[in-house]
N, C-alpha and C. Protein backbone atom coordinates (compact mmCIF):
# COMPACT_ATOMS: atom_id res chain seq x y z
N MET A 1 -7.56 2.80 13.93
CA MET A 1 -6.16 3.16 14.05
C MET A 1 -6.09 4.52 14.74
N GLU A 2 -5.43 4.59 15.88
CA GLU A 2 -5.43 5.83 16.65
C GLU A 2 -4.40 6.85 16.19
N LYS A 3 -3.35 6.45 15.50
CA LYS A 3 -2.31 7.36 15.05
C LYS A 3 -2.73 8.01 13.74
N SER A 4 -2.40 9.29 13.56
CA SER A 4 -2.71 9.97 12.30
C SER A 4 -1.92 9.34 11.17
N THR A 5 -2.51 9.39 10.01
CA THR A 5 -1.89 8.84 8.82
C THR A 5 -1.79 9.95 7.79
N TYR A 6 -0.68 9.98 7.05
CA TYR A 6 -0.41 11.07 6.13
C TYR A 6 -0.13 10.55 4.73
N ILE A 7 -0.38 11.43 3.77
CA ILE A 7 -0.07 11.12 2.39
C ILE A 7 0.61 12.34 1.79
N GLY A 8 1.62 12.10 0.99
CA GLY A 8 2.28 13.19 0.26
C GLY A 8 1.77 13.18 -1.15
N GLU A 9 1.17 14.29 -1.56
CA GLU A 9 0.58 14.34 -2.90
C GLU A 9 1.19 15.46 -3.71
N GLN A 10 1.27 15.22 -5.01
CA GLN A 10 1.72 16.27 -5.92
C GLN A 10 0.50 17.09 -6.32
N GLY A 11 0.72 18.23 -6.92
CA GLY A 11 -0.37 19.10 -7.36
C GLY A 11 -1.31 18.39 -8.32
N ARG A 12 -2.47 18.97 -8.53
CA ARG A 12 -3.49 18.36 -9.41
C ARG A 12 -2.93 17.93 -10.76
N ALA A 13 -2.09 18.75 -11.36
CA ALA A 13 -1.55 18.45 -12.68
C ALA A 13 -0.71 17.18 -12.69
N LYS A 14 -0.06 16.88 -11.56
CA LYS A 14 0.84 15.72 -11.50
C LYS A 14 0.25 14.55 -10.74
N ARG A 15 -0.96 14.67 -10.22
CA ARG A 15 -1.52 13.65 -9.34
C ARG A 15 -1.57 12.27 -9.97
N ASP A 16 -1.82 12.19 -11.26
CA ASP A 16 -1.91 10.88 -11.91
C ASP A 16 -0.56 10.36 -12.40
N HIS A 17 0.50 11.06 -12.06
CA HIS A 17 1.84 10.65 -12.49
C HIS A 17 2.68 10.32 -11.27
N ASN A 18 2.27 9.30 -10.54
CA ASN A 18 2.99 8.88 -9.34
C ASN A 18 4.37 8.38 -9.75
N THR A 19 5.40 8.88 -9.06
CA THR A 19 6.76 8.49 -9.44
C THR A 19 7.27 7.30 -8.65
N GLY A 20 6.53 6.86 -7.63
CA GLY A 20 6.97 5.74 -6.81
C GLY A 20 6.62 4.41 -7.44
N THR A 21 7.20 3.36 -6.90
CA THR A 21 6.88 2.03 -7.38
C THR A 21 5.75 1.47 -6.51
N ALA A 22 4.94 0.64 -7.08
CA ALA A 22 3.81 0.05 -6.37
C ALA A 22 4.21 -1.33 -5.88
N MET A 23 5.19 -1.39 -4.99
CA MET A 23 5.72 -2.69 -4.57
C MET A 23 4.73 -3.49 -3.74
N TYR A 24 3.69 -2.86 -3.22
CA TYR A 24 2.67 -3.57 -2.44
C TYR A 24 1.34 -3.59 -3.18
N GLY A 25 1.35 -3.35 -4.48
CA GLY A 25 0.14 -3.35 -5.29
C GLY A 25 -0.32 -1.95 -5.62
N GLN A 26 -1.21 -1.85 -6.59
CA GLN A 26 -1.74 -0.56 -7.01
C GLN A 26 -2.76 -0.07 -6.00
N GLY A 27 -2.54 1.10 -5.43
CA GLY A 27 -3.46 1.64 -4.45
C GLY A 27 -3.00 2.98 -3.93
N ARG A 28 -3.67 3.48 -2.90
CA ARG A 28 -3.31 4.75 -2.28
C ARG A 28 -2.37 4.45 -1.12
N TYR A 29 -1.14 4.95 -1.23
CA TYR A 29 -0.11 4.72 -0.22
C TYR A 29 -0.09 5.88 0.78
N SER A 30 -0.08 5.54 2.06
CA SER A 30 0.06 6.55 3.10
C SER A 30 0.98 5.99 4.18
N ASN A 31 1.33 6.85 5.15
CA ASN A 31 2.30 6.46 6.17
C ASN A 31 1.98 7.18 7.47
N THR A 32 2.31 6.57 8.59
CA THR A 32 2.10 7.21 9.89
C THR A 32 3.25 8.16 10.23
N ASN A 33 4.26 8.23 9.38
CA ASN A 33 5.41 9.11 9.58
C ASN A 33 5.27 10.31 8.64
N ARG A 34 4.89 11.47 9.19
CA ARG A 34 4.64 12.67 8.39
C ARG A 34 5.87 13.07 7.56
N LYS A 35 7.06 12.99 8.16
CA LYS A 35 8.28 13.37 7.45
C LYS A 35 8.51 12.48 6.23
N TYR A 36 8.29 11.19 6.39
CA TYR A 36 8.44 10.26 5.26
C TYR A 36 7.44 10.59 4.15
N ALA A 37 6.20 10.87 4.53
CA ALA A 37 5.16 11.21 3.55
C ALA A 37 5.53 12.46 2.76
N SER A 38 6.24 13.39 3.39
CA SER A 38 6.59 14.65 2.73
C SER A 38 7.53 14.44 1.55
N LYS A 39 8.21 13.30 1.48
CA LYS A 39 9.09 13.00 0.35
C LYS A 39 8.32 12.87 -0.96
N PHE A 40 6.99 12.63 -0.86
CA PHE A 40 6.19 12.36 -2.05
C PHE A 40 5.34 13.54 -2.48
N GLY A 41 5.42 14.65 -1.75
CA GLY A 41 4.66 15.84 -2.13
C GLY A 41 4.09 16.54 -0.92
N GLU A 42 3.12 17.41 -1.18
CA GLU A 42 2.47 18.17 -0.12
C GLU A 42 1.72 17.21 0.80
N VAL A 43 1.94 17.33 2.10
CA VAL A 43 1.39 16.39 3.08
C VAL A 43 -0.02 16.81 3.50
N ARG A 44 -0.89 15.84 3.57
CA ARG A 44 -2.22 16.04 4.16
C ARG A 44 -2.55 14.82 4.99
N THR A 45 -3.45 15.00 5.94
CA THR A 45 -3.89 13.89 6.77
C THR A 45 -4.91 13.08 5.98
N VAL A 46 -4.78 11.78 6.03
CA VAL A 46 -5.67 10.88 5.29
C VAL A 46 -6.98 10.75 6.06
N ASP A 47 -8.09 10.85 5.34
CA ASP A 47 -9.41 10.67 5.95
C ASP A 47 -9.65 9.21 6.27
N TYR A 48 -10.43 8.97 7.31
CA TYR A 48 -10.75 7.61 7.75
C TYR A 48 -11.32 6.78 6.58
N GLU A 49 -12.16 7.40 5.76
CA GLU A 49 -12.81 6.68 4.64
C GLU A 49 -11.81 6.21 3.60
N GLU A 50 -10.63 6.81 3.58
CA GLU A 50 -9.61 6.43 2.60
C GLU A 50 -8.76 5.25 3.06
N MET A 51 -8.93 4.87 4.31
CA MET A 51 -8.13 3.78 4.88
C MET A 51 -8.78 2.43 4.57
N PRO A 52 -7.97 1.38 4.45
CA PRO A 52 -8.56 0.05 4.24
C PRO A 52 -9.33 -0.38 5.50
N SER A 53 -10.51 -0.93 5.31
CA SER A 53 -11.32 -1.38 6.45
C SER A 53 -10.90 -2.77 6.92
N LYS A 54 -10.31 -3.55 6.02
CA LYS A 54 -9.84 -4.89 6.36
C LYS A 54 -8.48 -5.11 5.68
N ALA A 55 -7.43 -4.73 6.41
CA ALA A 55 -6.08 -4.80 5.85
C ALA A 55 -5.36 -6.07 6.29
N LEU A 56 -4.57 -6.60 5.39
CA LEU A 56 -3.68 -7.71 5.68
C LEU A 56 -2.41 -7.07 6.26
N SER A 57 -2.05 -7.42 7.49
CA SER A 57 -0.95 -6.75 8.19
C SER A 57 0.32 -7.57 8.23
N PHE A 58 1.44 -6.87 8.04
CA PHE A 58 2.76 -7.49 8.09
C PHE A 58 3.64 -6.72 9.07
N LYS A 59 4.42 -7.45 9.84
CA LYS A 59 5.29 -6.85 10.86
C LYS A 59 6.33 -5.92 10.23
N ASN A 60 6.83 -6.32 9.05
CA ASN A 60 7.86 -5.53 8.36
C ASN A 60 7.93 -5.98 6.90
N ALA A 61 8.82 -5.33 6.13
CA ALA A 61 8.95 -5.65 4.71
C ALA A 61 9.42 -7.09 4.49
N ALA A 62 10.25 -7.60 5.38
CA ALA A 62 10.72 -8.99 5.26
C ALA A 62 9.56 -9.98 5.39
N ALA A 63 8.63 -9.70 6.30
CA ALA A 63 7.45 -10.56 6.46
C ALA A 63 6.60 -10.53 5.19
N PHE A 64 6.50 -9.37 4.58
CA PHE A 64 5.75 -9.25 3.33
C PHE A 64 6.43 -10.08 2.23
N GLU A 65 7.75 -10.01 2.16
CA GLU A 65 8.50 -10.79 1.16
C GLU A 65 8.30 -12.28 1.36
N MET A 66 8.25 -12.72 2.62
CA MET A 66 7.98 -14.14 2.91
C MET A 66 6.59 -14.52 2.40
N PHE A 67 5.62 -13.64 2.58
CA PHE A 67 4.26 -13.85 2.08
C PHE A 67 4.29 -14.02 0.56
N GLU A 68 5.01 -13.15 -0.13
CA GLU A 68 5.13 -13.24 -1.59
C GLU A 68 5.74 -14.58 -2.01
N GLN A 69 6.80 -14.99 -1.32
CA GLN A 69 7.46 -16.25 -1.65
C GLN A 69 6.52 -17.43 -1.44
N GLU A 70 5.75 -17.38 -0.35
CA GLU A 70 4.80 -18.45 -0.08
C GLU A 70 3.70 -18.50 -1.14
N LEU A 71 3.20 -17.33 -1.55
CA LEU A 71 2.20 -17.27 -2.62
C LEU A 71 2.76 -17.89 -3.91
N ALA A 72 3.97 -17.51 -4.25
CA ALA A 72 4.60 -18.03 -5.47
C ALA A 72 4.75 -19.55 -5.38
N ARG A 73 5.18 -20.05 -4.22
CA ARG A 73 5.36 -21.49 -4.04
C ARG A 73 4.03 -22.22 -4.15
N GLU A 74 3.00 -21.69 -3.47
CA GLU A 74 1.67 -22.32 -3.49
C GLU A 74 1.11 -22.43 -4.90
N HIS A 75 1.38 -21.43 -5.72
CA HIS A 75 0.83 -21.41 -7.08
C HIS A 75 1.83 -21.87 -8.13
N ASN A 76 2.98 -22.39 -7.66
CA ASN A 76 4.01 -22.92 -8.55
C ASN A 76 4.41 -21.89 -9.62
N ILE A 77 4.68 -20.65 -9.15
CA ILE A 77 5.06 -19.55 -10.04
C ILE A 77 6.44 -19.07 -9.63
N ASP A 78 7.28 -18.79 -10.61
CA ASP A 78 8.57 -18.17 -10.32
C ASP A 78 8.28 -16.77 -9.79
N LYS A 79 8.79 -16.45 -8.59
CA LYS A 79 8.49 -15.17 -7.94
C LYS A 79 8.81 -13.98 -8.85
N ARG A 80 9.84 -14.10 -9.67
CA ARG A 80 10.20 -13.00 -10.57
C ARG A 80 9.10 -12.70 -11.59
N HIS A 81 8.23 -13.68 -11.84
CA HIS A 81 7.18 -13.52 -12.84
C HIS A 81 5.78 -13.46 -12.22
N MET A 82 5.72 -13.39 -10.89
CA MET A 82 4.44 -13.50 -10.21
C MET A 82 3.45 -12.41 -10.61
N TYR A 83 3.92 -11.21 -10.86
CA TYR A 83 3.00 -10.10 -11.15
C TYR A 83 2.93 -9.74 -12.62
N ARG A 84 3.49 -10.59 -13.45
CA ARG A 84 3.51 -10.31 -14.88
C ARG A 84 2.09 -10.10 -15.44
N ASN A 85 1.15 -10.93 -15.03
CA ASN A 85 -0.20 -10.86 -15.57
C ASN A 85 -1.24 -10.36 -14.58
N GLN A 86 -0.82 -10.10 -13.34
CA GLN A 86 -1.79 -9.70 -12.32
C GLN A 86 -1.10 -8.85 -11.25
N ASP A 87 -1.75 -7.76 -10.89
CA ASP A 87 -1.23 -6.90 -9.83
C ASP A 87 -1.45 -7.56 -8.48
N LEU A 88 -0.55 -7.30 -7.54
CA LEU A 88 -0.64 -7.86 -6.20
C LEU A 88 -1.98 -7.52 -5.53
N SER A 89 -2.49 -6.32 -5.77
CA SER A 89 -3.75 -5.92 -5.15
C SER A 89 -4.89 -6.86 -5.54
N VAL A 90 -4.88 -7.37 -6.76
CA VAL A 90 -5.92 -8.30 -7.22
C VAL A 90 -5.86 -9.60 -6.40
N ILE A 91 -4.65 -10.09 -6.19
CA ILE A 91 -4.46 -11.33 -5.42
C ILE A 91 -4.95 -11.15 -3.99
N ILE A 92 -4.57 -10.04 -3.36
CA ILE A 92 -4.95 -9.81 -1.96
C ILE A 92 -6.44 -9.54 -1.84
N LYS A 93 -7.03 -8.85 -2.80
CA LYS A 93 -8.49 -8.63 -2.76
C LYS A 93 -9.25 -9.95 -2.87
N LYS A 94 -8.72 -10.91 -3.62
CA LYS A 94 -9.35 -12.23 -3.71
C LYS A 94 -9.32 -12.96 -2.37
N MET A 95 -8.41 -12.53 -1.48
CA MET A 95 -8.32 -13.11 -0.14
C MET A 95 -9.24 -12.37 0.84
N SER A 96 -10.09 -11.48 0.33
CA SER A 96 -11.07 -10.70 1.11
C SER A 96 -10.47 -9.55 1.91
N TYR A 97 -9.32 -9.04 1.50
CA TYR A 97 -8.72 -7.85 2.13
C TYR A 97 -8.81 -6.69 1.14
N ASN A 98 -8.86 -5.46 1.66
CA ASN A 98 -8.90 -4.30 0.77
C ASN A 98 -7.69 -3.39 0.95
N GLY A 99 -6.62 -3.94 1.51
CA GLY A 99 -5.39 -3.18 1.69
C GLY A 99 -4.39 -3.97 2.49
N VAL A 100 -3.21 -3.35 2.68
CA VAL A 100 -2.16 -3.95 3.50
C VAL A 100 -1.56 -2.88 4.40
N THR A 101 -0.99 -3.33 5.52
CA THR A 101 -0.18 -2.47 6.38
C THR A 101 1.14 -3.18 6.58
N ILE A 102 2.22 -2.39 6.55
CA ILE A 102 3.55 -2.95 6.73
C ILE A 102 4.30 -2.10 7.75
N GLY A 103 4.78 -2.74 8.81
CA GLY A 103 5.60 -2.06 9.79
C GLY A 103 4.86 -1.71 11.07
N PRO A 104 5.61 -1.14 12.04
CA PRO A 104 5.03 -0.77 13.34
C PRO A 104 4.19 0.51 13.23
N LYS A 105 3.31 0.74 14.19
CA LYS A 105 2.43 1.92 14.15
C LYS A 105 3.18 3.23 14.03
N SER A 106 4.39 3.32 14.57
CA SER A 106 5.15 4.57 14.52
C SER A 106 5.69 4.89 13.12
N ASP A 107 5.79 3.89 12.26
CA ASP A 107 6.32 4.09 10.90
C ASP A 107 5.69 3.07 9.96
N MET A 108 4.37 3.10 9.90
CA MET A 108 3.62 2.10 9.15
C MET A 108 3.27 2.60 7.74
N ILE A 109 3.48 1.73 6.77
CA ILE A 109 3.02 1.99 5.41
C ILE A 109 1.62 1.38 5.31
N ILE A 110 0.67 2.15 4.80
CA ILE A 110 -0.70 1.69 4.65
C ILE A 110 -1.06 1.84 3.17
N VAL A 111 -1.55 0.76 2.58
CA VAL A 111 -1.96 0.80 1.19
C VAL A 111 -3.43 0.40 1.13
N SER A 112 -4.24 1.29 0.58
CA SER A 112 -5.66 0.99 0.39
C SER A 112 -5.88 0.67 -1.07
N TYR A 113 -6.50 -0.48 -1.34
CA TYR A 113 -6.77 -0.86 -2.71
C TYR A 113 -8.10 -0.28 -3.21
N GLU A 114 -8.84 0.34 -2.33
CA GLU A 114 -10.07 1.05 -2.72
C GLU A 114 -9.70 2.51 -2.78
N THR A 115 -9.30 2.97 -3.94
CA THR A 115 -8.76 4.32 -4.08
C THR A 115 -9.81 5.30 -4.56
N LYS A 116 -10.62 5.76 -3.66
CA LYS A 116 -11.58 6.81 -3.97
C LYS A 116 -10.79 8.10 -4.06
N LYS A 117 -10.89 8.77 -5.19
CA LYS A 117 -10.13 10.01 -5.40
C LYS A 117 -10.63 11.11 -4.47
N LYS A 118 -9.69 11.83 -3.90
CA LYS A 118 -10.04 12.99 -3.06
C LYS A 118 -9.57 14.23 -3.80
N ASP A 119 -10.51 15.10 -4.13
CA ASP A 119 -10.15 16.34 -4.84
C ASP A 119 -10.17 17.52 -3.92
């Protein structure tokens, strides 16, 4: 990925108290839009090692929602209850991916399910 990726982090004391929702599964969320990342705390550039090496990519949030609906249909699960017993990251990792990307390169959300802590 040639564009820089950013993450907004809170101080050490608050690092484990993420206030955002994990709508794309439990993982490390970053974005190619520095200003957007700043909404979540102090901005730093994400290291290459923190990025997913094999991400499942979606054009936009609507495409991701279609993927969720298809998963629910395939497994005969009511979409409202799909994550009751399992996080989305577990499902996607079973498909041999270690993260997801959503959106265009200029404003892409990147979620890595391999969350090696950076201190």
